[in-house]
Amino acid sequence: ARLLTPSDFGLIGIAMLAMSAVEMLSETGFQTVLIQKKGNIREFLDTAWTVAAIRAVILFGLLFFTSPFIANFFNSPQTSLIIKVIAISTLLSGFGNVSILYFQKELQFHKQFIYEVTANIVDLIVSIYLAFILKSVWALVWGGLAGHIIRFVISYAIYPYRPRIRIEKEKLHELFMFGRWIFGSSIVIFLVTQGDSIFLGKMLGITALGFYQMAFTLSN
């Protein structure tokens, strides 16, 4: 907070809102379905991973090409380039190893802990280090991206399964029939959890949004 300005946090906040919007409004729910599904789910993994990878490419393109319009909506030209860089994290998430869902399915919480905490620590260290050097919002951008890179690497390092590009129509249909309800609920959740930030950023600007989002994050 002493190294960066409130507007820096507001800028990253707008970018994260944009990414959260496209991700939640296109949520397939496949991973949740597979975690809850009884029996062997190995035969579903390739289809789920392929759909996730395709979705990631589409979301990346959507964020990349709509970033100028998002920046214009919030009257913040700087946000456009930030969104384009942060959009890379959607690719890393989409192409990550789908089998990490076994961490929760098989109650392997020690692996889940390693996966999450290691990435968060890297994010924190890189962000603070760069904040001293850059003293700009880009410290937060590169820190967050570093965290996503670590998650991607760990997802393949910690679990032996290697997904392949393959879509089986029957498996896809079965996943979709259950996942559609998660998709519907994700729209409601997004509006409830992010609607206030969108309104605040539009009406009061990025500095107010920076204060609000950081206070909300710390309080939680």
Protein backbone atom coordinates (compact mmCIF):
# COMPACT_ATOMS: atom_id res chain seq x y z
CA ALA A 1 0.00 0.00 0.00
CA ARG A 2 2.97 2.37 0.58
CA LEU A 3 4.75 1.44 -2.64
CA LEU A 4 1.76 1.63 -4.99
CA THR A 5 -1.11 4.09 -5.33
CA PRO A 6 -4.82 3.30 -4.88
CA SER A 7 -5.31 3.81 -8.62
CA ASP A 8 -2.77 1.02 -9.28
CA PHE A 9 -4.97 -1.37 -7.32
CA GLY A 10 -7.99 0.02 -9.17
CA LEU A 11 -6.38 -0.71 -12.53
CA ILE A 12 -5.64 -4.32 -11.60
CA GLY A 13 -9.14 -4.50 -10.16
CA ILE A 14 -10.72 -3.59 -13.50
CA ALA A 15 -8.58 -6.16 -15.30
CA MET A 16 -9.53 -8.86 -12.80
CA LEU A 17 -13.21 -7.92 -13.13
CA ALA A 18 -12.98 -8.39 -16.89
CA MET A 19 -11.28 -11.76 -16.53
CA SER A 20 -13.69 -12.87 -13.84
CA ALA A 21 -16.63 -11.89 -16.04
CA VAL A 22 -15.63 -13.93 -19.08
CA GLU A 23 -14.59 -16.90 -16.94
CA MET A 24 -17.69 -17.07 -14.75
CA LEU A 25 -20.12 -16.31 -17.59
CA SER A 26 -18.66 -19.23 -19.58
CA GLU A 27 -18.22 -21.66 -16.68
CA THR A 28 -18.78 -25.26 -17.83
CA GLY A 29 -18.90 -26.77 -14.35
CA PHE A 30 -17.19 -29.90 -15.67
CA GLN A 31 -14.57 -30.02 -12.91
CA THR A 32 -17.21 -29.81 -10.17
CA VAL A 33 -19.23 -32.53 -11.88
CA LEU A 34 -16.23 -34.85 -12.07
CA ILE A 35 -15.32 -34.24 -8.42
CA GLN A 36 -18.82 -35.25 -7.35
CA LYS A 37 -19.27 -38.07 -9.87
CA LYS A 38 -19.01 -41.57 -8.38
CA GLY A 39 -16.78 -44.28 -9.84
CA ASN A 40 -13.86 -44.03 -12.25
CA ILE A 41 -13.79 -40.70 -14.10
CA ARG A 42 -10.58 -41.28 -16.06
CA GLU A 43 -12.47 -41.72 -19.34
CA PHE A 44 -13.95 -38.21 -18.96
CA LEU A 45 -10.68 -36.37 -18.38
CA ASP A 46 -9.53 -35.95 -21.97
CA THR A 47 -12.88 -34.53 -23.06
CA ALA A 48 -13.01 -32.16 -20.06
CA TRP A 49 -9.43 -30.99 -20.67
CA THR A 50 -9.97 -30.46 -24.42
CA VAL A 51 -13.09 -28.37 -23.79
CA ALA A 52 -11.21 -26.36 -21.14
CA ALA A 53 -8.34 -25.72 -23.56
CA ILE A 54 -10.67 -24.59 -26.35
CA ARG A 55 -12.55 -22.37 -23.90
CA ALA A 56 -9.26 -20.85 -22.72
CA VAL A 57 -8.24 -19.90 -26.27
CA ILE A 58 -11.65 -18.32 -26.90
CA LEU A 59 -11.55 -16.39 -23.62
CA PHE A 60 -8.03 -15.16 -24.34
CA GLY A 61 -9.11 -13.87 -27.74
CA LEU A 62 -12.24 -12.29 -26.27
CA LEU A 63 -10.28 -10.45 -23.57
CA PHE A 64 -7.55 -9.42 -25.98
CA PHE A 65 -9.89 -7.88 -28.56
CA THR A 66 -12.45 -6.37 -26.17
CA SER A 67 -9.86 -4.81 -23.86
CA PRO A 68 -10.06 -1.36 -25.57
CA PHE A 69 -13.85 -1.30 -25.08
CA ILE A 70 -13.56 -2.34 -21.43
CA ALA A 71 -10.95 0.36 -20.85
CA ASN A 72 -13.22 2.90 -22.53
CA PHE A 73 -16.19 1.84 -20.37
CA PHE A 74 -14.21 2.59 -17.20
CA ASN A 75 -12.53 5.67 -18.74
CA SER A 76 -9.13 4.08 -18.12
CA PRO A 77 -6.96 3.75 -21.27
CA GLN A 78 -4.13 2.09 -19.29
CA THR A 79 -6.33 -0.90 -18.52
CA SER A 80 -6.35 -2.17 -22.12
CA LEU A 81 -2.75 -3.39 -22.15
CA ILE A 82 -3.04 -4.77 -18.61
CA ILE A 83 -6.05 -6.88 -19.62
CA LYS A 84 -4.20 -8.21 -22.66
CA VAL A 85 -1.28 -9.38 -20.51
CA ILE A 86 -3.46 -10.80 -17.73
CA ALA A 87 -5.46 -12.70 -20.38
CA ILE A 88 -2.45 -15.03 -20.70
CA SER A 89 -3.42 -16.50 -17.33
CA THR A 90 -6.64 -17.83 -18.87
CA LEU A 91 -4.51 -19.91 -21.26
CA LEU A 92 -2.39 -21.22 -18.40
CA SER A 93 -5.49 -22.18 -16.41
CA GLY A 94 -7.22 -23.80 -19.37
CA PHE A 95 -4.22 -25.87 -20.45
CA GLY A 96 -3.33 -26.92 -16.90
CA ASN A 97 -3.54 -30.56 -15.90
CA VAL A 98 -7.23 -31.40 -15.41
CA SER A 99 -6.35 -34.26 -13.06
CA ILE A 100 -5.71 -31.81 -10.21
CA LEU A 101 -9.41 -32.30 -9.45
CA TYR A 102 -8.31 -35.57 -7.79
CA PHE A 103 -6.86 -33.44 -4.98
CA GLN A 104 -10.41 -32.77 -3.84
CA LYS A 105 -12.07 -35.92 -5.15
CA GLU A 106 -9.67 -38.19 -3.25
CA LEU A 107 -9.24 -35.78 -0.31
CA GLN A 108 -5.55 -35.24 -1.09
CA PHE A 109 -5.55 -31.90 0.65
CA HIS A 110 -1.79 -31.87 1.22
CA LYS A 111 -1.35 -31.72 -2.56
CA GLN A 112 -4.07 -29.08 -2.84
CA PHE A 113 -2.22 -27.09 -0.18
CA ILE A 114 1.08 -27.29 -2.08
CA TYR A 115 -0.65 -26.36 -5.34
CA GLU A 116 -2.40 -23.29 -3.95
CA VAL A 117 0.04 -21.96 -1.35
CA THR A 118 3.18 -22.27 -3.49
CA ALA A 119 1.57 -20.24 -6.27
CA ASN A 120 0.32 -17.61 -3.83
CA ILE A 121 3.75 -17.27 -2.21
CA VAL A 122 5.41 -16.81 -5.62
CA ASP A 123 2.75 -14.24 -6.54
CA LEU A 124 3.39 -12.36 -3.29
CA ILE A 125 7.21 -12.41 -3.51
CA VAL A 126 7.34 -11.35 -7.17
CA SER A 127 4.74 -8.61 -6.64
CA ILE A 128 6.52 -7.11 -3.62
CA TYR A 129 9.97 -7.35 -5.23
CA LEU A 130 8.76 -5.64 -8.42
CA ALA A 131 6.80 -3.06 -6.43
CA PHE A 132 10.12 -1.79 -5.01
CA ILE A 133 11.62 -1.62 -8.50
CA LEU A 134 8.74 -0.59 -10.77
CA LYS A 135 6.49 1.24 -8.31
CA SER A 136 3.57 0.71 -10.68
CA VAL A 137 0.60 -1.56 -11.31
CA TRP A 138 2.83 -3.82 -13.41
CA ALA A 139 4.28 -5.29 -10.21
CA LEU A 140 0.83 -6.75 -9.52
CA VAL A 141 0.38 -7.86 -13.13
CA TRP A 142 3.66 -9.78 -13.35
CA GLY A 143 3.24 -11.17 -9.83
CA GLY A 144 -0.16 -12.60 -10.66
CA LEU A 145 1.10 -14.05 -13.92
CA ALA A 146 4.03 -15.68 -12.11
CA GLY A 147 1.58 -17.34 -9.74
CA HIS A 148 -0.41 -18.78 -12.65
CA ILE A 149 2.77 -20.09 -14.28
CA ILE A 150 3.66 -21.90 -11.04
CA ARG A 151 0.16 -23.42 -10.84
CA PHE A 152 0.51 -24.64 -14.42
CA VAL A 153 3.90 -26.25 -13.76
CA ILE A 154 2.86 -27.84 -10.46
CA SER A 155 -0.32 -29.27 -11.99
CA TYR A 156 1.83 -31.43 -14.27
CA ALA A 157 4.68 -32.01 -11.83
CA ILE A 158 2.55 -33.25 -8.95
CA TYR A 159 0.21 -35.59 -10.87
CA PRO A 160 1.34 -38.16 -13.46
CA TYR A 161 -1.72 -38.07 -15.76
CA ARG A 162 -1.15 -36.41 -19.15
CA PRO A 163 -4.32 -35.28 -20.97
CA ARG A 164 -4.77 -35.70 -24.71
CA ILE A 165 -6.79 -33.74 -27.27
CA ARG A 166 -10.00 -35.72 -27.62
CA ILE A 167 -13.73 -35.05 -27.46
CA GLU A 168 -16.21 -37.89 -27.04
CA LYS A 169 -19.74 -36.71 -27.77
CA GLU A 170 -21.42 -38.99 -25.24
CA LYS A 171 -19.06 -37.93 -22.46
CA LEU A 172 -19.43 -34.27 -23.42
CA HIS A 173 -23.22 -34.51 -23.37
CA GLU A 174 -23.22 -36.17 -19.96
CA LEU A 175 -20.93 -33.54 -18.50
CA PHE A 176 -22.97 -30.72 -20.00
CA MET A 177 -26.29 -32.03 -18.68
CA PHE A 178 -25.01 -31.73 -15.11
CA GLY A 179 -22.71 -28.75 -15.62
CA ARG A 180 -25.38 -26.46 -17.10
CA TRP A 181 -26.80 -25.81 -13.62
CA ILE A 182 -23.38 -24.68 -12.41
CA PHE A 183 -23.18 -22.39 -15.44
CA GLY A 184 -26.53 -20.85 -14.50
CA SER A 185 -25.59 -20.33 -10.88
CA SER A 186 -22.21 -18.82 -11.84
CA ILE A 187 -24.01 -15.98 -13.64
CA VAL A 188 -25.98 -15.14 -10.49
CA ILE A 189 -22.86 -15.46 -8.31
CA PHE A 190 -20.93 -13.09 -10.59
CA LEU A 191 -23.64 -10.42 -10.44
CA VAL A 192 -23.91 -10.73 -6.66
CA THR A 193 -20.17 -10.72 -5.94
CA GLN A 194 -18.87 -8.38 -8.66
CA GLY A 195 -21.80 -6.16 -9.58
CA ASP A 196 -20.96 -3.63 -6.87
CA SER A 197 -17.36 -3.31 -8.06
CA ILE A 198 -18.44 -2.75 -11.66
CA PHE A 199 -20.90 -0.04 -10.56
CA LEU A 200 -18.35 1.61 -8.27
CA GLY A 201 -15.58 1.60 -10.87
CA LYS A 202 -17.87 3.10 -13.49
CA MET A 203 -19.43 5.78 -11.28
CA LEU A 204 -16.55 6.80 -8.98
CA GLY A 205 -13.42 5.82 -10.92
CA ILE A 206 -10.44 3.51 -10.50
CA THR A 207 -9.06 5.11 -7.32
CA ALA A 208 -12.31 4.52 -5.42
CA LEU A 209 -12.42 1.00 -6.86
CA GLY A 210 -8.87 0.37 -5.63
CA PHE A 211 -9.74 1.44 -2.08
CA TYR A 212 -12.96 -0.58 -2.09
CA GLN A 213 -11.54 -3.82 -3.48
CA MET A 214 -8.49 -3.85 -1.23
CA ALA A 215 -10.59 -3.12 1.87
CA PHE A 216 -13.01 -5.87 0.88
CA THR A 217 -10.18 -8.34 0.23
CA LEU A 218 -8.39 -7.61 3.52
CA SER A 219 -11.60 -7.78 5.56
CA ASN A 220 -12.31 -11.22 4.13
